[in-house]
């Protein structure tokens, strides 16, 4: 009997062990929200600040997700990522300006105008990203120090070209009338635009997670990162896939630029460089190359900025740096480290 069971178990296929999900970073997010409630001492104010922080975090995630994608799958430190953010924001001023009268007619028209601006911004940023990869990034694959220097130089040149097209001054990007104001849950105010931003951010995260985990393209890209020669020997052109990843990351940055420009309601040529610091804090907190880590890290940064801005405005100036230091003392490789880094 034992021999038969042994033979049967030997013939059965071996099940691949599944790694347990690490829920501690999620608990940290919930703990931050719980700790803020007694400090704020007002349920309605806490709800307003919490939703505002989560929405801000989701906007930051959309911006940072492109950089996380590029580094996580291509091992490229693109310090010129801010260029694509600025491009998206300035394209939004042109598209939204041309559709201003139409956008003010109602909520559906406003959403259509915003999504049109996002699509155009993604197309422009993706096209520039393709040229950026071919001319600037391709010669320095595998050379991180040179990547930092040359991509920063590319961003500086790009900012100057933006000034040539749109001018050096700050341009207003007013919120269309139907998205101004807020919904009210009791005494808590939930801004309409933040609801839209939260939905878009969650949709981007779900699409990225599904693409990387459930599709053939995601499988090939992840396999190409681990063993490029083996995948190429099977007949797949990894270089084309990686170029596609860079274009997709640039397009996501352009989309995030539209969302950030509407959030700030003004854009300037330096908007990308200003946000660059914030998104690098996010991906360091989350773990270099981790999409889930980027998501949780962006939410933590958004909540911390809103809570400290309300409780101690002077502390808000360096709260995100303090958050990054505290998390790195706890987990030196970030919340969800990628094992091959």
Protein backbone atom coordinates (compact mmCIF):
# COMPACT_ATOMS: atom_id res chain seq x y z
CA UNK A 1 0.00 0.00 0.00
CA UNK A 2 2.76 2.39 0.93
CA UNK A 3 4.67 1.41 -2.22
CA UNK A 4 1.64 2.19 -4.41
CA UNK A 5 1.15 5.56 -2.73
CA UNK A 6 4.82 6.33 -3.20
CA UNK A 7 4.66 5.43 -6.88
CA UNK A 8 1.50 7.48 -7.38
CA UNK A 9 3.04 10.49 -5.70
CA UNK A 10 6.16 10.08 -7.82
CA UNK A 11 4.09 10.12 -11.01
CA UNK A 12 2.09 13.21 -9.93
CA UNK A 13 3.33 16.57 -11.23
CA UNK A 14 5.25 18.64 -8.74
CA UNK A 15 3.41 21.78 -7.63
CA UNK A 16 5.39 25.01 -7.75
CA UNK A 17 5.60 26.57 -4.30
CA UNK A 18 3.88 29.91 -3.99
CA UNK A 19 5.51 32.67 -2.04
CA UNK A 20 3.35 34.10 0.72
CA UNK A 21 2.13 37.64 0.21
CA UNK A 22 3.89 40.15 2.47
CA UNK A 23 1.10 42.22 4.03
CA UNK A 24 3.26 44.31 6.38
CA UNK A 25 3.54 47.31 4.00
CA UNK A 26 -0.26 47.32 3.62
CA UNK A 27 -0.60 47.24 7.41
CA UNK A 28 1.83 50.16 7.57
CA UNK A 29 -0.48 52.12 5.25
CA UNK A 30 -3.49 51.34 7.45
CA UNK A 31 -1.50 52.16 10.59
CA UNK A 32 -0.61 55.58 9.21
CA UNK A 33 -4.28 56.33 8.55
CA UNK A 34 -5.28 55.06 12.02
CA UNK A 35 -2.56 57.09 13.76
CA UNK A 36 -3.67 60.28 12.01
CA UNK A 37 -7.27 60.05 13.24
CA UNK A 38 -6.66 60.93 16.93
CA UNK A 39 -4.07 63.54 15.94
CA UNK A 40 -6.54 65.34 13.64
CA UNK A 41 -9.35 64.88 16.21
CA UNK A 42 -12.13 65.42 13.67
CA UNK A 43 -13.68 62.58 11.73
CA UNK A 44 -14.79 64.75 8.82
CA UNK A 45 -11.41 66.47 8.51
CA UNK A 46 -9.66 63.08 8.70
CA UNK A 47 -11.87 61.67 5.95
CA UNK A 48 -11.28 64.73 3.74
CA UNK A 49 -7.51 64.59 4.25
CA UNK A 50 -7.35 60.80 3.82
CA UNK A 51 -9.21 60.76 0.53
CA UNK A 52 -7.21 63.76 -0.70
CA UNK A 53 -3.97 61.98 0.25
CA UNK A 54 -4.99 58.73 -1.44
CA UNK A 55 -6.00 60.59 -4.61
CA UNK A 56 -2.73 62.52 -4.61
CA UNK A 57 -0.87 59.25 -4.10
CA UNK A 58 -2.63 57.65 -7.06
CA UNK A 59 -1.66 60.60 -9.29
CA UNK A 60 1.94 60.20 -8.14
CA UNK A 61 1.70 56.46 -8.84
CA UNK A 62 0.65 57.08 -12.46
CA UNK A 63 3.63 59.41 -12.88
CA UNK A 64 6.08 57.07 -11.14
CA UNK A 65 4.78 53.83 -12.66
CA UNK A 66 6.46 54.59 -15.98
CA UNK A 67 9.84 55.05 -14.31
CA UNK A 68 9.33 51.90 -12.22
CA UNK A 69 8.44 49.97 -15.36
CA UNK A 70 11.54 51.18 -17.20
CA UNK A 71 13.91 50.46 -14.34
CA UNK A 72 12.30 47.23 -13.21
CA UNK A 73 12.23 45.65 -16.65
CA UNK A 74 15.11 47.37 -18.48
CA UNK A 75 17.49 48.27 -15.63
CA UNK A 76 17.68 51.85 -16.93
CA UNK A 77 17.99 54.78 -14.51
CA UNK A 78 16.12 57.41 -16.51
CA UNK A 79 16.65 60.74 -14.76
CA UNK A 80 15.10 62.39 -17.79
CA UNK A 81 11.67 61.02 -16.86
CA UNK A 82 10.56 64.52 -15.87
CA UNK A 83 10.73 65.61 -19.51
CA UNK A 84 7.80 63.36 -20.41
CA UNK A 85 5.83 64.61 -17.40
CA UNK A 86 6.34 68.21 -18.55
CA UNK A 87 5.41 67.29 -22.13
CA UNK A 88 2.15 65.74 -20.95
CA UNK A 89 1.31 68.80 -18.86
CA UNK A 90 1.97 71.26 -21.70
CA UNK A 91 0.10 69.16 -24.25
CA UNK A 92 -2.84 69.28 -21.81
CA UNK A 93 -2.77 73.10 -21.83
CA UNK A 94 -3.07 73.07 -25.63
CA UNK A 95 -5.78 70.39 -25.85
CA UNK A 96 -7.82 71.61 -22.88
CA UNK A 97 -7.49 75.20 -24.10
CA UNK A 98 -8.88 74.22 -27.50
CA UNK A 99 -11.73 72.27 -25.91
CA UNK A 100 -12.47 74.71 -23.08
CA UNK A 101 -15.91 75.77 -24.31
CA UNK A 102 -16.91 72.16 -24.99
CA UNK A 103 -15.56 70.92 -21.63
CA UNK A 104 -17.64 73.44 -19.67
CA UNK A 105 -20.94 72.09 -21.06
CA UNK A 106 -21.23 69.16 -18.66
CA UNK A 107 -19.49 66.37 -16.76
CA UNK A 108 -19.41 63.95 -19.71
CA UNK A 109 -17.95 66.62 -21.99
CA UNK A 110 -15.35 67.47 -19.33
CA UNK A 111 -14.31 63.84 -18.93
CA UNK A 112 -14.11 63.46 -22.71
CA UNK A 113 -11.87 66.54 -22.94
CA UNK A 114 -9.59 65.26 -20.15
CA UNK A 115 -9.29 61.79 -21.65
CA UNK A 116 -8.62 63.32 -25.06
CA UNK A 117 -5.82 65.38 -23.50
CA UNK A 118 -4.46 62.22 -21.87
CA UNK A 119 -4.47 60.26 -25.13
CA UNK A 120 -2.76 63.06 -27.07
CA UNK A 121 -0.22 63.54 -24.27
CA UNK A 122 0.51 59.81 -24.17
CA UNK A 123 1.00 59.74 -27.95
CA UNK A 124 3.37 62.73 -27.91
CA UNK A 125 5.32 61.52 -24.86
CA UNK A 126 5.53 57.99 -26.29
CA UNK A 127 6.87 59.27 -29.61
CA UNK A 128 9.47 61.45 -27.90
CA UNK A 129 10.28 58.52 -25.62
CA UNK A 130 10.99 56.34 -28.66
CA UNK A 131 13.47 58.92 -30.00
CA UNK A 132 14.93 59.42 -26.50
CA UNK A 133 15.61 55.68 -26.18
CA UNK A 134 17.23 55.38 -29.61
CA UNK A 135 19.44 58.46 -29.40
CA UNK A 136 20.25 58.88 -25.71
CA UNK A 137 19.57 55.68 -23.75
CA UNK A 138 20.58 52.90 -26.17
CA UNK A 139 24.33 53.70 -26.18
CA UNK A 140 24.50 53.47 -22.35
CA UNK A 141 22.62 50.26 -21.55
CA UNK A 142 24.22 48.63 -18.50
CA UNK A 143 26.16 51.79 -17.55
CA UNK A 144 24.23 53.34 -14.67
CA UNK A 145 26.47 56.35 -14.02
CA UNK A 146 26.43 57.34 -17.67
CA UNK A 147 22.67 56.78 -17.77
CA UNK A 148 22.16 59.27 -14.94
CA UNK A 149 24.34 61.93 -16.55
CA UNK A 150 23.10 61.60 -20.12
CA UNK A 151 19.39 61.36 -19.25
CA UNK A 152 19.64 64.42 -17.00
CA UNK A 153 21.25 66.25 -19.89
CA UNK A 154 18.45 65.09 -22.16
CA UNK A 155 15.88 66.48 -19.74
CA UNK A 156 17.61 69.86 -19.62
CA UNK A 157 17.68 70.06 -23.42
CA UNK A 158 14.04 68.97 -23.54
CA UNK A 159 13.01 71.69 -21.10
CA UNK A 160 14.65 74.30 -23.31
CA UNK A 161 12.78 72.96 -26.34
CA UNK A 162 9.52 73.16 -24.37
CA UNK A 163 10.32 76.84 -23.73
CA UNK A 164 10.76 77.35 -27.47
CA UNK A 165 7.33 75.86 -28.22
CA UNK A 166 5.22 77.05 -25.26
CA UNK A 167 7.34 79.86 -23.82
CA UNK A 168 9.31 80.12 -20.56
CA UNK A 169 6.47 81.39 -18.37
CA UNK A 170 4.00 79.48 -16.26
CA UNK A 171 0.74 78.63 -18.06
CA UNK A 172 -2.59 78.27 -16.29
CA UNK A 173 -4.45 74.98 -16.64
CA UNK A 174 -7.81 75.75 -15.03
CA UNK A 175 -10.12 72.98 -13.95
CA UNK A 176 -13.25 72.76 -16.16
CA UNK A 177 -16.32 74.10 -14.35
CA UNK A 178 -18.16 70.73 -14.00
CA UNK A 179 -15.24 69.26 -12.00
CA UNK A 180 -14.86 72.19 -9.63
CA UNK A 181 -16.25 71.85 -6.14
CA UNK A 182 -16.78 68.74 -4.06
CA UNK A 183 -19.15 66.01 -2.97
CA UNK A 184 -20.12 66.02 0.71
CA UNK A 185 -20.29 63.00 3.01
CA UNK A 186 -21.66 64.63 6.11
CA UNK A 187 -19.16 67.39 6.85
CA UNK A 188 -16.37 65.76 4.82
CA UNK A 189 -15.64 67.32 1.42
CA UNK A 190 -14.46 65.04 -1.40
CA UNK A 191 -13.23 67.05 -4.40
CA UNK A 192 -14.71 65.91 -7.72
CA UNK A 193 -11.41 65.90 -9.58
CA UNK A 194 -9.79 63.74 -6.92
CA UNK A 195 -12.49 61.11 -7.46
CA UNK A 196 -11.66 61.04 -11.18
CA UNK A 197 -7.91 60.91 -10.43
CA UNK A 198 -8.40 58.03 -7.98
CA UNK A 199 -10.38 55.99 -10.52
CA UNK A 200 -7.77 56.56 -13.24
CA UNK A 201 -4.90 55.67 -10.87
CA UNK A 202 -6.56 52.43 -9.75
CA UNK A 203 -7.28 51.51 -13.38
CA UNK A 204 -3.64 52.05 -14.35
CA UNK A 205 -2.43 49.90 -11.45
CA UNK A 206 -4.86 47.09 -12.29
CA UNK A 207 -3.89 47.17 -15.98
CA UNK A 208 -0.16 47.11 -15.21
CA UNK A 209 -0.48 44.28 -12.70
CA UNK A 210 -2.60 42.23 -15.11
CA UNK A 211 -0.30 42.85 -18.07
CA UNK A 212 2.87 41.88 -16.22
CA UNK A 213 1.41 38.84 -14.48
CA UNK A 214 -1.18 37.43 -16.90
CA UNK A 215 -0.14 38.18 -20.48
CA UNK A 216 2.42 36.69 -22.84
CA UNK A 217 4.05 40.07 -23.36
CA UNK A 218 4.55 40.49 -19.62
CA UNK A 219 5.97 36.99 -19.36
CA UNK A 220 8.42 37.61 -22.22
CA UNK A 221 9.58 40.89 -20.77
CA UNK A 222 10.17 39.41 -17.32
CA UNK A 223 11.93 36.42 -18.86
CA UNK A 224 14.07 38.75 -20.99
CA UNK A 225 15.22 40.60 -17.89
CA UNK A 226 16.29 37.31 -16.26
CA UNK A 227 17.95 35.65 -19.28
CA UNK A 228 17.94 37.72 -22.45
CA UNK A 229 20.07 35.30 -24.51
CA UNK A 230 17.76 32.37 -23.80
CA UNK A 231 14.64 34.28 -24.84
CA UNK A 232 16.32 35.54 -28.01
CA UNK A 233 17.37 31.97 -28.83
CA UNK A 234 13.67 31.06 -28.84
CA UNK A 235 13.08 33.55 -31.65
CA UNK A 236 11.76 36.55 -29.72
CA UNK A 237 13.21 40.02 -30.31
CA UNK A 238 13.83 41.33 -26.84
CA UNK A 239 15.17 44.68 -28.07
CA UNK A 240 11.80 45.48 -29.64
CA UNK A 241 10.02 44.50 -26.44
CA UNK A 242 12.31 46.72 -24.37
CA UNK A 243 11.79 49.65 -26.74
CA UNK A 244 8.05 49.10 -26.31
CA UNK A 245 8.50 49.16 -22.53
CA UNK A 246 10.36 52.48 -22.72
CA UNK A 247 7.66 53.98 -24.96
CA UNK A 248 4.93 52.72 -22.59
CA UNK A 249 6.75 54.17 -19.57
CA UNK A 250 7.14 57.52 -21.32
CA UNK A 251 3.45 57.51 -22.31
CA UNK A 252 2.44 56.84 -18.68
CA UNK A 253 4.59 59.79 -17.62
CA UNK A 254 2.78 61.97 -20.18
CA UNK A 255 -0.57 60.81 -18.82
CA UNK A 256 0.59 61.55 -15.28
CA UNK A 257 1.72 65.00 -16.41
CA UNK A 258 -1.83 65.78 -17.52
CA UNK A 259 -3.19 64.66 -14.15
CA UNK A 260 -0.55 66.57 -12.19
CA UNK A 261 -1.03 69.72 -14.26
CA UNK A 262 -4.79 69.66 -13.58
CA UNK A 263 -4.05 68.98 -9.91
CA UNK A 264 -1.76 72.05 -9.73
CA UNK A 265 -3.94 74.03 -12.22
CA UNK A 266 -0.74 75.52 -13.66
CA UNK A 267 2.29 74.20 -15.54
CA UNK A 268 5.84 75.44 -16.05
CA UNK A 269 8.84 74.03 -17.98
CA UNK A 270 10.36 72.93 -14.66
CA UNK A 271 7.31 70.93 -13.55
CA UNK A 272 8.92 67.64 -14.54
CA UNK A 273 12.17 68.29 -12.69
CA UNK A 274 10.20 69.30 -9.59
CA UNK A 275 8.16 66.10 -9.59
CA UNK A 276 11.23 63.98 -10.40
CA UNK A 277 12.43 64.21 -6.80
CA UNK A 278 9.08 63.04 -5.48
CA UNK A 279 8.83 60.05 -7.80
CA UNK A 280 12.34 58.88 -6.98
CA UNK A 281 11.39 58.99 -3.29
CA UNK A 282 8.37 56.83 -4.14
CA UNK A 283 10.27 54.16 -6.06
CA UNK A 284 13.01 54.02 -3.42
CA UNK A 285 10.39 53.54 -0.71
CA UNK A 286 8.58 50.88 -2.72
CA UNK A 287 11.67 48.98 -3.84
CA UNK A 288 13.47 49.67 -7.10
CA UNK A 289 11.53 48.11 -9.96
CA UNK A 290 8.52 46.93 -7.93
CA UNK A 291 5.12 47.97 -9.31
CA UNK A 292 3.28 46.98 -6.11
CA UNK A 293 5.91 48.75 -4.02
CA UNK A 294 5.53 51.86 -6.15
CA UNK A 295 1.77 51.73 -5.59
CA UNK A 296 2.00 51.43 -1.79
CA UNK A 297 4.86 53.93 -1.62
CA UNK A 298 2.91 56.53 -3.59
CA UNK A 299 -0.10 56.16 -1.27
CA UNK A 300 2.15 56.54 1.79
CA UNK A 301 3.74 59.68 0.34
CA UNK A 302 0.36 61.20 -0.56
CA UNK A 303 -1.10 60.54 2.88
CA UNK A 304 2.01 61.78 4.71
CA UNK A 305 2.05 65.01 2.69
CA UNK A 306 -1.61 65.76 3.44
CA UNK A 307 -1.54 64.80 7.11
CA UNK A 308 1.62 66.76 7.92
CA UNK A 309 0.47 69.70 5.79
CA UNK A 310 -2.60 69.95 8.03
CA UNK A 311 -1.00 69.17 11.39
CA UNK A 312 2.45 70.79 11.01
CA UNK A 313 2.96 72.71 7.74
CA UNK A 314 6.67 73.29 8.40
CA UNK A 315 7.24 69.56 8.87
CA UNK A 316 5.53 68.86 5.54
CA UNK A 317 8.54 70.31 3.73
CA UNK A 318 10.69 67.30 4.64
CA UNK A 319 8.08 64.74 5.74
CA UNK A 320 8.56 62.56 2.65
CA UNK A 321 12.33 62.46 3.16
CA UNK A 322 11.77 61.45 6.79
CA UNK A 323 9.31 58.76 5.66
CA UNK A 324 11.85 57.39 3.17
CA UNK A 325 14.60 57.30 5.80
CA UNK A 326 12.35 55.54 8.34
CA UNK A 327 11.28 52.89 5.82
CA UNK A 328 14.84 52.28 4.62
CA UNK A 329 15.95 51.81 8.23
CA UNK A 330 13.23 49.16 8.51
CA UNK A 331 13.71 47.62 5.06
CA UNK A 332 16.91 48.81 3.35
CA UNK A 333 15.79 47.52 -0.06
CA UNK A 334 12.31 49.07 0.12
CA UNK A 335 8.87 47.71 0.91
CA UNK A 336 8.79 45.11 -1.87
CA UNK A 337 12.39 44.54 -3.01
CA UNK A 338 12.97 42.94 -6.41
CA UNK A 339 15.26 39.99 -5.79
CA UNK A 340 17.50 40.46 -8.84
CA UNK A 341 18.47 44.03 -7.92
